[in-house]
C-alpha atoms as a PDB file:
ATOM      1  CA  UNK A   1     -11.422 -42.054 -41.468  1.00  0.00           C
ATOM      2  CA  UNK A   2     -14.780 -40.349 -41.684  1.00  0.00           C
ATOM      3  CA  UNK A   3     -17.854 -42.333 -42.662  1.00  0.00           C
ATOM      4  CA  UNK A   4     -20.883 -41.180 -44.606  1.00  0.00           C
ATOM      5  CA  UNK A   5     -24.025 -43.263 -44.732  1.00  0.00           C
ATOM      6  CA  UNK A   6     -26.137 -43.981 -47.795  1.00  0.00           C
ATOM      7  CA  UNK A   7     -29.897 -43.572 -47.765  1.00  0.00           C
ATOM      8  CA  UNK A   8     -30.120 -45.013 -51.291  1.00  0.00           C
ATOM      9  CA  UNK A   9     -27.960 -47.458 -53.251  1.00  0.00           C
ATOM     10  CA  UNK A  10     -25.381 -44.802 -54.205  1.00  0.00           C
ATOM     11  CA  UNK A  11     -24.307 -41.187 -53.772  1.00  0.00           C
ATOM     12  CA  UNK A  12     -22.606 -39.000 -56.352  1.00  0.00           C
ATOM     13  CA  UNK A  13     -19.035 -37.896 -55.733  1.00  0.00           C
ATOM     14  CA  UNK A  14     -19.822 -34.168 -55.532  1.00  0.00           C
ATOM     15  CA  UNK A  15     -22.639 -34.827 -53.053  1.00  0.00           C
ATOM     16  CA  UNK A  16     -20.381 -37.010 -50.912  1.00  0.00           C
ATOM     17  CA  UNK A  17     -17.767 -34.243 -50.644  1.00  0.00           C
ATOM     18  CA  UNK A  18     -20.455 -31.798 -49.529  1.00  0.00           C
ATOM     19  CA  UNK A  19     -21.998 -34.251 -47.060  1.00  0.00           C
ATOM     20  CA  UNK A  20     -18.591 -34.918 -45.480  1.00  0.00           C
ATOM     21  CA  UNK A  21     -17.958 -31.181 -45.146  1.00  0.00           C
ATOM     22  CA  UNK A  22     -14.887 -31.222 -47.411  1.00  0.00           C
ATOM     23  CA  UNK A  23     -16.354 -28.488 -49.638  1.00  0.00           C
ATOM     24  CA  UNK A  24     -18.982 -25.850 -49.001  1.00  0.00           C
ATOM     25  CA  UNK A  25     -20.934 -26.053 -52.249  1.00  0.00           C
ATOM     26  CA  UNK A  26     -21.512 -28.047 -55.394  1.00  0.00           C
ATOM     27  CA  UNK A  27     -19.509 -25.472 -57.331  1.00  0.00           C
ATOM     28  CA  UNK A  28     -16.512 -26.011 -55.040  1.00  0.00           C
ATOM     29  CA  UNK A  29     -16.901 -29.775 -55.462  1.00  0.00           C
ATOM     30  CA  UNK A  30     -17.006 -29.394 -59.235  1.00  0.00           C
ATOM     31  CA  UNK A  31     -13.715 -27.479 -59.320  1.00  0.00           C
ATOM     32  CA  UNK A  32     -11.719 -29.739 -56.981  1.00  0.00           C
ATOM     33  CA  UNK A  33     -12.931 -32.817 -58.864  1.00  0.00           C
ATOM     34  CA  UNK A  34     -12.184 -31.324 -62.309  1.00  0.00           C
ATOM     35  CA  UNK A  35      -8.736 -30.244 -61.101  1.00  0.00           C
ATOM     36  CA  UNK A  36      -7.883 -33.885 -60.321  1.00  0.00           C
ATOM     37  CA  UNK A  37      -7.610 -33.344 -56.564  1.00  0.00           C
ATOM     38  CA  UNK A  38      -9.992 -36.163 -55.586  1.00  0.00           C
ATOM     39  CA  UNK A  39      -9.248 -39.892 -55.550  1.00  0.00           C
ATOM     40  CA  UNK A  40     -11.792 -42.686 -55.471  1.00  0.00           C
ATOM     41  CA  UNK A  41     -10.427 -46.057 -54.358  1.00  0.00           C
ATOM     42  CA  UNK A  42      -6.872 -44.799 -54.889  1.00  0.00           C
ATOM     43  CA  UNK A  43      -7.344 -43.408 -58.404  1.00  0.00           C
ATOM     44  CA  UNK A  44      -7.980 -39.830 -59.520  1.00  0.00           C
ATOM     45  CA  UNK A  45     -11.525 -39.419 -60.793  1.00  0.00           C
ATOM     46  CA  UNK A  46     -12.618 -36.224 -62.550  1.00  0.00           C
ATOM     47  CA  UNK A  47     -16.318 -37.090 -62.841  1.00  0.00           C
ATOM     48  CA  UNK A  48     -18.514 -35.136 -60.440  1.00  0.00           C
ATOM     49  CA  UNK A  49     -21.385 -37.519 -61.172  1.00  0.00           C
ATOM     50  CA  UNK A  50     -19.329 -40.629 -60.353  1.00  0.00           C
ATOM     51  CA  UNK A  51     -21.573 -42.969 -58.383  1.00  0.00           C
ATOM     52  CA  UNK A  52     -20.170 -44.156 -55.086  1.00  0.00           C
ATOM     53  CA  UNK A  53     -21.354 -47.367 -53.486  1.00  0.00           C
ATOM     54  CA  UNK A  54     -20.904 -49.014 -50.104  1.00  0.00           C
ATOM     55  CA  UNK A  55     -17.216 -49.640 -49.412  1.00  0.00           C
ATOM     56  CA  UNK A  56     -15.832 -46.941 -51.718  1.00  0.00           C
ATOM     57  CA  UNK A  57     -13.114 -44.708 -50.259  1.00  0.00           C
ATOM     58  CA  UNK A  58     -12.781 -41.043 -51.273  1.00  0.00           C
ATOM     59  CA  UNK A  59      -9.594 -39.061 -50.595  1.00  0.00           C
ATOM     60  CA  UNK A  60      -9.338 -35.280 -50.731  1.00  0.00           C
ATOM     61  CA  UNK A  61      -7.076 -32.743 -49.028  1.00  0.00           C
ATOM     62  CA  UNK A  62      -5.872 -35.178 -46.369  1.00  0.00           C
ATOM     63  CA  UNK A  63      -9.387 -36.478 -45.638  1.00  0.00           C
ATOM     64  CA  UNK A  64     -10.484 -40.069 -46.175  1.00  0.00           C
ATOM     65  CA  UNK A  65     -14.187 -40.759 -46.435  1.00  0.00           C
ATOM     66  CA  UNK A  66     -15.676 -44.251 -46.432  1.00  0.00           C
ATOM     67  CA  UNK A  67     -19.113 -44.805 -47.947  1.00  0.00           C
ATOM     68  CA  UNK A  68     -21.238 -47.011 -45.675  1.00  0.00           C
ATOM     69  CA  UNK A  69     -24.760 -48.382 -45.899  1.00  0.00           C
ATOM     70  CA  UNK A  70     -27.073 -46.510 -43.553  1.00  0.00           C
END
């Protein structure tokens, strides 16, 4: 499981996918999220602006990303 570290209290879902290297751009993130291909804490979430906090788990294309406090 890959970990990404927060500088602030939260990170948005689209930004987290980019930071983890799962997508190349915000546009790519927008499409995979809108297409229902991304899960947050086990549930599909289609909101690119979804705020992720410490402990949240994102799943996409066989990758699992844990949000940690940095």
